[in-house]
Amino acid sequence: MKSDPKECLYCQNNDTLHSLMIEIAQLSVSRVFLFKEQTYRGRCLVAYKDHVNDLFELSDEDRNAFMADVARVTRAMDKAFHPEKINYGAYSDKLSHLHFHLAPKYVDGPDYGSTFQMNPGKVYLSEEEYQQLIDAVKAHL
């Protein structure tokens, strides 16, 4: 299913987007967000800068630049939060704007050894706590 950029929350930069995540930075070909639902402490999302439906649609150069951005963010997350593993999710069934969910997993944390939940709706933070997470990631980008 290909989505229309006019209906895409990433392209429209709309209230729905801002209710789900906080923009951290713009990288070479992507935008980085902190997911507001923080069941997986430090969870971020990297979205491609333009409306592209799937990874295979990118040129080799753009794909490599996007994956370099994803790797850059996961390195920063690893240094900031020291998870046991970072899970990657690129589903896009209903919203086919190229993006990767990056969910840190901790040995004694939720769903360790299993798939992370898309939006468990359990853990929300104060503005100050969000800012601390954002600052931690930005310090290592």
N, C-alpha and C. Protein backbone atom coordinates (compact mmCIF):
# COMPACT_ATOMS: atom_id res chain seq x y z
N MET A 1 0.85 -1.18 0.00
CA MET A 1 0.00 0.00 0.00
C MET A 1 0.90 1.24 0.00
N LYS A 2 0.71 2.08 -0.98
CA LYS A 2 1.48 3.31 -1.04
C LYS A 2 0.63 4.44 -0.48
N SER A 3 1.23 5.21 0.41
CA SER A 3 0.48 6.31 1.02
C SER A 3 0.72 7.61 0.26
N ASP A 4 -0.22 8.49 0.41
CA ASP A 4 -0.19 9.80 -0.24
C ASP A 4 0.57 10.77 0.67
N PRO A 5 1.58 11.47 0.14
CA PRO A 5 2.32 12.44 0.96
C PRO A 5 1.41 13.48 1.64
N LYS A 6 0.26 13.77 1.00
CA LYS A 6 -0.67 14.75 1.60
C LYS A 6 -1.35 14.20 2.85
N GLU A 7 -1.30 12.88 3.03
CA GLU A 7 -1.90 12.24 4.20
C GLU A 7 -0.85 11.64 5.13
N CYS A 8 0.40 11.90 4.85
CA CYS A 8 1.51 11.31 5.61
C CYS A 8 1.88 12.19 6.79
N LEU A 9 1.88 11.62 7.98
CA LEU A 9 2.19 12.43 9.16
C LEU A 9 3.62 12.93 9.16
N TYR A 10 4.56 12.20 8.56
CA TYR A 10 5.94 12.67 8.48
C TYR A 10 6.06 13.84 7.51
N CYS A 11 5.41 13.72 6.37
CA CYS A 11 5.47 14.79 5.36
C CYS A 11 4.71 16.03 5.80
N GLN A 12 3.58 15.82 6.45
CA GLN A 12 2.76 16.94 6.88
C GLN A 12 3.26 17.56 8.18
N ASN A 13 4.13 16.81 8.91
CA ASN A 13 4.68 17.31 10.17
C ASN A 13 3.54 17.79 11.07
N ASN A 14 2.53 16.95 11.21
CA ASN A 14 1.27 17.37 11.81
C ASN A 14 1.14 17.04 13.30
N ASP A 15 -0.02 17.38 13.87
CA ASP A 15 -0.27 17.17 15.29
C ASP A 15 -0.19 15.69 15.67
N THR A 16 -0.61 14.81 14.78
CA THR A 16 -0.53 13.37 15.07
C THR A 16 0.93 12.97 15.28
N LEU A 17 1.81 13.44 14.41
CA LEU A 17 3.23 13.15 14.56
C LEU A 17 3.74 13.65 15.91
N HIS A 18 3.42 14.90 16.24
CA HIS A 18 3.93 15.50 17.47
C HIS A 18 3.28 14.93 18.72
N SER A 19 2.14 14.28 18.58
CA SER A 19 1.55 13.61 19.74
C SER A 19 2.24 12.27 20.01
N LEU A 20 2.91 11.72 19.00
CA LEU A 20 3.57 10.42 19.13
C LEU A 20 5.06 10.52 19.41
N MET A 21 5.71 11.58 18.93
CA MET A 21 7.16 11.66 19.06
C MET A 21 7.66 13.10 19.05
N ILE A 22 8.91 13.24 19.48
CA ILE A 22 9.56 14.54 19.57
C ILE A 22 10.78 14.52 18.65
N GLU A 23 10.88 15.50 17.77
CA GLU A 23 12.03 15.53 16.86
C GLU A 23 13.30 15.87 17.64
N ILE A 24 14.33 15.09 17.39
CA ILE A 24 15.63 15.27 18.04
C ILE A 24 16.59 16.01 17.14
N ALA A 25 16.68 15.58 15.87
CA ALA A 25 17.68 16.15 14.96
C ALA A 25 17.35 15.80 13.52
N GLN A 26 17.99 16.53 12.62
CA GLN A 26 17.98 16.18 11.20
C GLN A 26 19.38 15.73 10.85
N LEU A 27 19.47 14.59 10.18
CA LEU A 27 20.75 14.05 9.76
C LEU A 27 20.89 14.20 8.25
N SER A 28 21.80 13.47 7.64
CA SER A 28 22.09 13.69 6.22
C SER A 28 20.88 13.48 5.32
N VAL A 29 20.11 12.41 5.55
CA VAL A 29 18.93 12.16 4.70
C VAL A 29 17.71 11.76 5.53
N SER A 30 17.72 12.09 6.80
CA SER A 30 16.62 11.64 7.65
C SER A 30 16.37 12.59 8.82
N ARG A 31 15.27 12.31 9.49
CA ARG A 31 14.92 13.01 10.73
C ARG A 31 14.89 11.96 11.84
N VAL A 32 15.34 12.36 13.02
CA VAL A 32 15.38 11.46 14.17
C VAL A 32 14.39 11.96 15.21
N PHE A 33 13.63 11.01 15.75
CA PHE A 33 12.61 11.33 16.74
C PHE A 33 12.79 10.46 17.98
N LEU A 34 12.41 10.99 19.13
CA LEU A 34 12.25 10.21 20.35
C LEU A 34 10.78 9.84 20.43
N PHE A 35 10.50 8.55 20.55
CA PHE A 35 9.13 8.07 20.68
C PHE A 35 8.62 8.47 22.06
N LYS A 36 7.45 9.10 22.16
CA LYS A 36 6.95 9.53 23.47
C LYS A 36 6.63 8.36 24.39
N GLU A 37 6.10 7.28 23.83
CA GLU A 37 5.82 6.10 24.65
C GLU A 37 7.17 5.42 24.91
N GLN A 38 7.57 5.37 26.18
CA GLN A 38 8.93 4.94 26.54
C GLN A 38 8.98 3.64 27.33
N THR A 39 8.14 2.66 26.99
CA THR A 39 8.26 1.34 27.60
C THR A 39 9.68 0.80 27.38
N TYR A 40 10.24 1.10 26.20
CA TYR A 40 11.60 0.70 25.87
C TYR A 40 12.46 1.96 25.98
N ARG A 41 13.08 2.13 27.14
CA ARG A 41 13.77 3.37 27.48
C ARG A 41 14.78 3.77 26.40
N GLY A 42 14.55 4.95 25.82
CA GLY A 42 15.42 5.48 24.79
C GLY A 42 14.94 5.21 23.37
N ARG A 43 13.74 4.65 23.22
CA ARG A 43 13.24 4.30 21.89
C ARG A 43 13.19 5.51 20.97
N CYS A 44 13.73 5.33 19.78
CA CYS A 44 13.77 6.39 18.78
C CYS A 44 13.20 5.88 17.46
N LEU A 45 13.08 6.78 16.52
CA LEU A 45 12.60 6.46 15.18
C LEU A 45 13.38 7.33 14.21
N VAL A 46 13.79 6.73 13.08
CA VAL A 46 14.48 7.46 12.02
C VAL A 46 13.60 7.40 10.78
N ALA A 47 13.21 8.56 10.26
CA ALA A 47 12.35 8.65 9.07
C ALA A 47 13.13 9.31 7.93
N TYR A 48 12.99 8.73 6.74
CA TYR A 48 13.64 9.30 5.57
C TYR A 48 13.10 10.70 5.32
N LYS A 49 13.93 11.60 4.82
CA LYS A 49 13.57 13.02 4.67
C LYS A 49 12.45 13.26 3.66
N ASP A 50 12.36 12.42 2.63
CA ASP A 50 11.34 12.59 1.59
C ASP A 50 10.34 11.44 1.66
N HIS A 51 9.24 11.60 0.97
CA HIS A 51 8.21 10.55 0.97
C HIS A 51 8.61 9.44 0.01
N VAL A 52 9.16 8.39 0.58
CA VAL A 52 9.54 7.18 -0.14
C VAL A 52 8.80 6.05 0.54
N ASN A 53 8.22 5.16 -0.25
CA ASN A 53 7.41 4.09 0.32
C ASN A 53 8.23 2.93 0.87
N ASP A 54 9.37 2.64 0.27
CA ASP A 54 10.12 1.46 0.68
C ASP A 54 11.61 1.65 0.41
N LEU A 55 12.42 0.93 1.15
CA LEU A 55 13.87 1.02 1.06
C LEU A 55 14.38 0.74 -0.35
N PHE A 56 13.77 -0.23 -1.05
CA PHE A 56 14.25 -0.61 -2.38
C PHE A 56 14.04 0.48 -3.42
N GLU A 57 13.22 1.49 -3.12
CA GLU A 57 12.98 2.58 -4.08
C GLU A 57 14.13 3.58 -4.12
N LEU A 58 14.99 3.55 -3.11
CA LEU A 58 16.10 4.50 -3.06
C LEU A 58 17.23 4.07 -3.98
N SER A 59 17.97 5.04 -4.46
CA SER A 59 19.22 4.73 -5.17
C SER A 59 20.18 4.08 -4.16
N ASP A 60 21.19 3.42 -4.66
CA ASP A 60 22.18 2.82 -3.75
C ASP A 60 22.78 3.87 -2.84
N GLU A 61 23.08 5.02 -3.40
CA GLU A 61 23.70 6.10 -2.63
C GLU A 61 22.76 6.58 -1.52
N ASP A 62 21.49 6.82 -1.84
CA ASP A 62 20.53 7.29 -0.82
C ASP A 62 20.24 6.21 0.21
N ARG A 63 20.14 4.95 -0.24
CA ARG A 63 19.92 3.85 0.71
C ARG A 63 21.09 3.76 1.68
N ASN A 64 22.30 3.84 1.17
CA ASN A 64 23.47 3.77 2.04
C ASN A 64 23.52 4.94 3.00
N ALA A 65 23.14 6.12 2.54
CA ALA A 65 23.11 7.30 3.42
C ALA A 65 22.05 7.13 4.51
N PHE A 66 20.88 6.60 4.14
CA PHE A 66 19.82 6.38 5.13
C PHE A 66 20.27 5.35 6.16
N MET A 67 20.83 4.24 5.71
CA MET A 67 21.28 3.22 6.66
C MET A 67 22.43 3.73 7.52
N ALA A 68 23.26 4.61 6.98
CA ALA A 68 24.31 5.24 7.79
C ALA A 68 23.69 6.10 8.88
N ASP A 69 22.60 6.81 8.55
CA ASP A 69 21.89 7.59 9.57
C ASP A 69 21.31 6.68 10.65
N VAL A 70 20.71 5.57 10.24
CA VAL A 70 20.15 4.62 11.20
C VAL A 70 21.26 4.10 12.12
N ALA A 71 22.39 3.73 11.54
CA ALA A 71 23.51 3.23 12.34
C ALA A 71 24.04 4.31 13.27
N ARG A 72 24.09 5.53 12.80
CA ARG A 72 24.56 6.64 13.63
C ARG A 72 23.66 6.81 14.86
N VAL A 73 22.37 6.72 14.65
CA VAL A 73 21.43 6.86 15.77
C VAL A 73 21.55 5.68 16.73
N THR A 74 21.65 4.46 16.21
CA THR A 74 21.77 3.32 17.12
C THR A 74 23.08 3.36 17.90
N ARG A 75 24.15 3.84 17.30
CA ARG A 75 25.41 4.02 18.05
C ARG A 75 25.22 5.01 19.19
N ALA A 76 24.54 6.11 18.88
CA ALA A 76 24.28 7.12 19.91
C ALA A 76 23.41 6.55 21.03
N MET A 77 22.38 5.78 20.65
CA MET A 77 21.50 5.15 21.64
C MET A 77 22.28 4.17 22.51
N ASP A 78 23.16 3.40 21.88
CA ASP A 78 23.96 2.43 22.63
C ASP A 78 24.84 3.13 23.66
N LYS A 79 25.50 4.22 23.25
CA LYS A 79 26.36 4.96 24.16
C LYS A 79 25.56 5.65 25.26
N ALA A 80 24.38 6.14 24.91
CA ALA A 80 23.57 6.89 25.88
C ALA A 80 22.87 5.99 26.90
N PHE A 81 22.39 4.81 26.45
CA PHE A 81 21.51 4.00 27.30
C PHE A 81 22.04 2.61 27.64
N HIS A 82 23.06 2.14 26.95
CA HIS A 82 23.67 0.84 27.21
C HIS A 82 22.68 -0.32 27.23
N PRO A 83 21.83 -0.43 26.20
CA PRO A 83 20.92 -1.57 26.16
C PRO A 83 21.70 -2.86 25.83
N GLU A 84 21.08 -3.98 26.11
CA GLU A 84 21.67 -5.27 25.72
C GLU A 84 21.63 -5.41 24.20
N LYS A 85 20.56 -4.92 23.58
CA LYS A 85 20.34 -5.05 22.13
C LYS A 85 19.39 -3.95 21.69
N ILE A 86 19.50 -3.54 20.46
CA ILE A 86 18.53 -2.61 19.88
C ILE A 86 17.77 -3.37 18.79
N ASN A 87 16.45 -3.39 18.90
CA ASN A 87 15.61 -4.03 17.89
C ASN A 87 15.24 -3.00 16.83
N TYR A 88 15.19 -3.46 15.58
CA TYR A 88 14.83 -2.61 14.45
C TYR A 88 13.47 -3.05 13.93
N GLY A 89 12.60 -2.10 13.64
CA GLY A 89 11.31 -2.43 13.04
C GLY A 89 11.02 -1.49 11.89
N ALA A 90 10.68 -2.06 10.74
CA ALA A 90 10.35 -1.27 9.55
C ALA A 90 9.10 -1.89 8.94
N TYR A 91 7.95 -1.57 9.49
CA TYR A 91 6.72 -2.24 9.10
C TYR A 91 6.00 -1.51 7.97
N SER A 92 5.51 -0.34 8.21
CA SER A 92 4.92 0.53 7.19
C SER A 92 3.73 -0.05 6.44
N ASP A 93 2.97 -0.93 7.05
CA ASP A 93 1.80 -1.49 6.37
C ASP A 93 0.75 -0.42 6.07
N LYS A 94 0.48 0.44 7.04
CA LYS A 94 -0.57 1.45 6.87
C LYS A 94 -0.01 2.82 6.52
N LEU A 95 1.21 3.08 6.91
CA LEU A 95 1.85 4.36 6.61
C LEU A 95 3.19 4.04 5.94
N SER A 96 3.19 4.09 4.62
CA SER A 96 4.36 3.61 3.90
C SER A 96 5.39 4.70 3.61
N HIS A 97 5.66 5.53 4.57
CA HIS A 97 6.79 6.45 4.51
C HIS A 97 7.96 5.71 5.15
N LEU A 98 9.07 5.61 4.46
CA LEU A 98 10.21 4.84 4.94
C LEU A 98 10.67 5.35 6.30
N HIS A 99 10.61 4.47 7.31
CA HIS A 99 11.09 4.80 8.65
C HIS A 99 11.43 3.51 9.40
N PHE A 100 12.34 3.64 10.35
CA PHE A 100 12.74 2.51 11.19
C PHE A 100 12.47 2.86 12.65
N HIS A 101 11.79 1.95 13.36
CA HIS A 101 11.65 2.05 14.81
C HIS A 101 12.90 1.43 15.41
N LEU A 102 13.47 2.07 16.41
CA LEU A 102 14.67 1.58 17.07
C LEU A 102 14.35 1.43 18.56
N ALA A 103 14.17 0.18 18.99
CA ALA A 103 13.71 -0.09 20.35
C ALA A 103 14.82 -0.76 21.16
N PRO A 104 15.41 -0.03 22.12
CA PRO A 104 16.41 -0.64 22.98
C PRO A 104 15.78 -1.72 23.86
N LYS A 105 16.49 -2.82 24.03
CA LYS A 105 15.99 -3.91 24.88
C LYS A 105 17.02 -4.16 25.97
N TYR A 106 16.49 -4.39 27.17
CA TYR A 106 17.30 -4.59 28.36
C TYR A 106 16.97 -5.96 28.95
N VAL A 107 17.97 -6.68 29.47
CA VAL A 107 17.80 -8.06 29.94
C VAL A 107 16.61 -8.20 30.87
N ASP A 108 16.44 -7.30 31.82
CA ASP A 108 15.33 -7.40 32.76
C ASP A 108 14.15 -6.51 32.38
N GLY A 109 14.15 -6.02 31.13
CA GLY A 109 13.11 -5.09 30.69
C GLY A 109 11.97 -5.78 29.96
N PRO A 110 10.99 -4.99 29.58
CA PRO A 110 9.82 -5.51 28.88
C PRO A 110 10.18 -6.22 27.58
N ASP A 111 9.56 -7.35 27.36
CA ASP A 111 9.64 -8.10 26.10
C ASP A 111 11.04 -8.52 25.70
N TYR A 112 11.98 -8.60 26.66
CA TYR A 112 13.32 -9.05 26.31
C TYR A 112 13.24 -10.47 25.77
N GLY A 113 13.90 -10.71 24.66
CA GLY A 113 13.86 -12.02 24.02
C GLY A 113 12.66 -12.21 23.12
N SER A 114 11.90 -11.14 22.91
CA SER A 114 10.70 -11.20 22.08
C SER A 114 10.61 -9.92 21.26
N THR A 115 9.61 -9.86 20.43
CA THR A 115 9.37 -8.68 19.60
C THR A 115 8.85 -7.52 20.44
N PHE A 116 9.34 -6.32 20.17
CA PHE A 116 8.82 -5.16 20.90
C PHE A 116 7.41 -4.84 20.42
N GLN A 117 6.62 -4.27 21.33
CA GLN A 117 5.26 -3.86 20.99
C GLN A 117 5.30 -2.50 20.32
N MET A 118 4.44 -2.29 19.34
CA MET A 118 4.47 -1.04 18.57
C MET A 118 4.20 0.17 19.47
N ASN A 119 3.13 0.14 20.23
CA ASN A 119 2.82 1.26 21.11
C ASN A 119 2.05 0.74 22.32
N PRO A 120 2.77 0.22 23.32
CA PRO A 120 2.10 -0.38 24.47
C PRO A 120 1.26 0.60 25.29
N GLY A 121 1.55 1.90 25.17
CA GLY A 121 0.74 2.89 25.87
C GLY A 121 0.85 2.86 27.37
N LYS A 122 2.00 2.46 27.90
CA LYS A 122 2.16 2.30 29.35
C LYS A 122 3.04 3.36 30.00
N VAL A 123 4.10 3.80 29.32
CA VAL A 123 5.10 4.64 29.97
C VAL A 123 5.23 5.99 29.25
N TYR A 124 4.79 7.03 29.92
CA TYR A 124 4.95 8.40 29.42
C TYR A 124 5.72 9.18 30.47
N LEU A 125 6.49 10.15 30.03
CA LEU A 125 7.41 10.87 30.89
C LEU A 125 7.04 12.34 31.03
N SER A 126 7.71 13.00 31.93
CA SER A 126 7.56 14.45 32.06
C SER A 126 8.39 15.11 30.96
N GLU A 127 8.13 16.37 30.71
CA GLU A 127 8.91 17.11 29.70
C GLU A 127 10.40 17.08 30.06
N GLU A 128 10.71 17.19 31.34
CA GLU A 128 12.10 17.17 31.79
C GLU A 128 12.75 15.81 31.51
N GLU A 129 12.02 14.74 31.74
CA GLU A 129 12.55 13.40 31.47
C GLU A 129 12.78 13.17 29.98
N TYR A 130 11.83 13.64 29.14
CA TYR A 130 12.03 13.54 27.69
C TYR A 130 13.29 14.30 27.29
N GLN A 131 13.45 15.49 27.83
CA GLN A 131 14.61 16.31 27.47
C GLN A 131 15.91 15.63 27.87
N GLN A 132 15.93 14.94 29.01
CA GLN A 132 17.13 14.21 29.43
C GLN A 132 17.49 13.12 28.42
N LEU A 133 16.48 12.39 27.94
CA LEU A 133 16.72 11.35 26.93
C LEU A 133 17.22 11.95 25.63
N ILE A 134 16.58 13.05 25.21
CA ILE A 134 16.98 13.73 23.97
C ILE A 134 18.43 14.21 24.08
N ASP A 135 18.75 14.85 25.20
CA ASP A 135 20.11 15.34 25.40
C ASP A 135 21.13 14.21 25.38
N ALA A 136 20.76 13.06 25.95
CA ALA A 136 21.67 11.91 25.97
C ALA A 136 21.95 11.41 24.56
N VAL A 137 20.92 11.33 23.72
CA VAL A 137 21.12 10.89 22.33
C VAL A 137 21.92 11.94 21.57
N LYS A 138 21.54 13.19 21.67
CA LYS A 138 22.22 14.26 20.92
C LYS A 138 23.70 14.35 21.28
N ALA A 139 24.03 14.05 22.53
CA ALA A 139 25.42 14.12 22.97
C ALA A 139 26.31 13.13 22.22
N HIS A 140 25.69 12.09 21.66
CA HIS A 140 26.47 11.05 20.98
C HIS A 140 26.22 10.98 19.47
N LEU A 141 25.39 11.87 18.94
CA LEU A 141 25.15 11.85 17.48
C LEU A 141 26.36 12.38 16.72
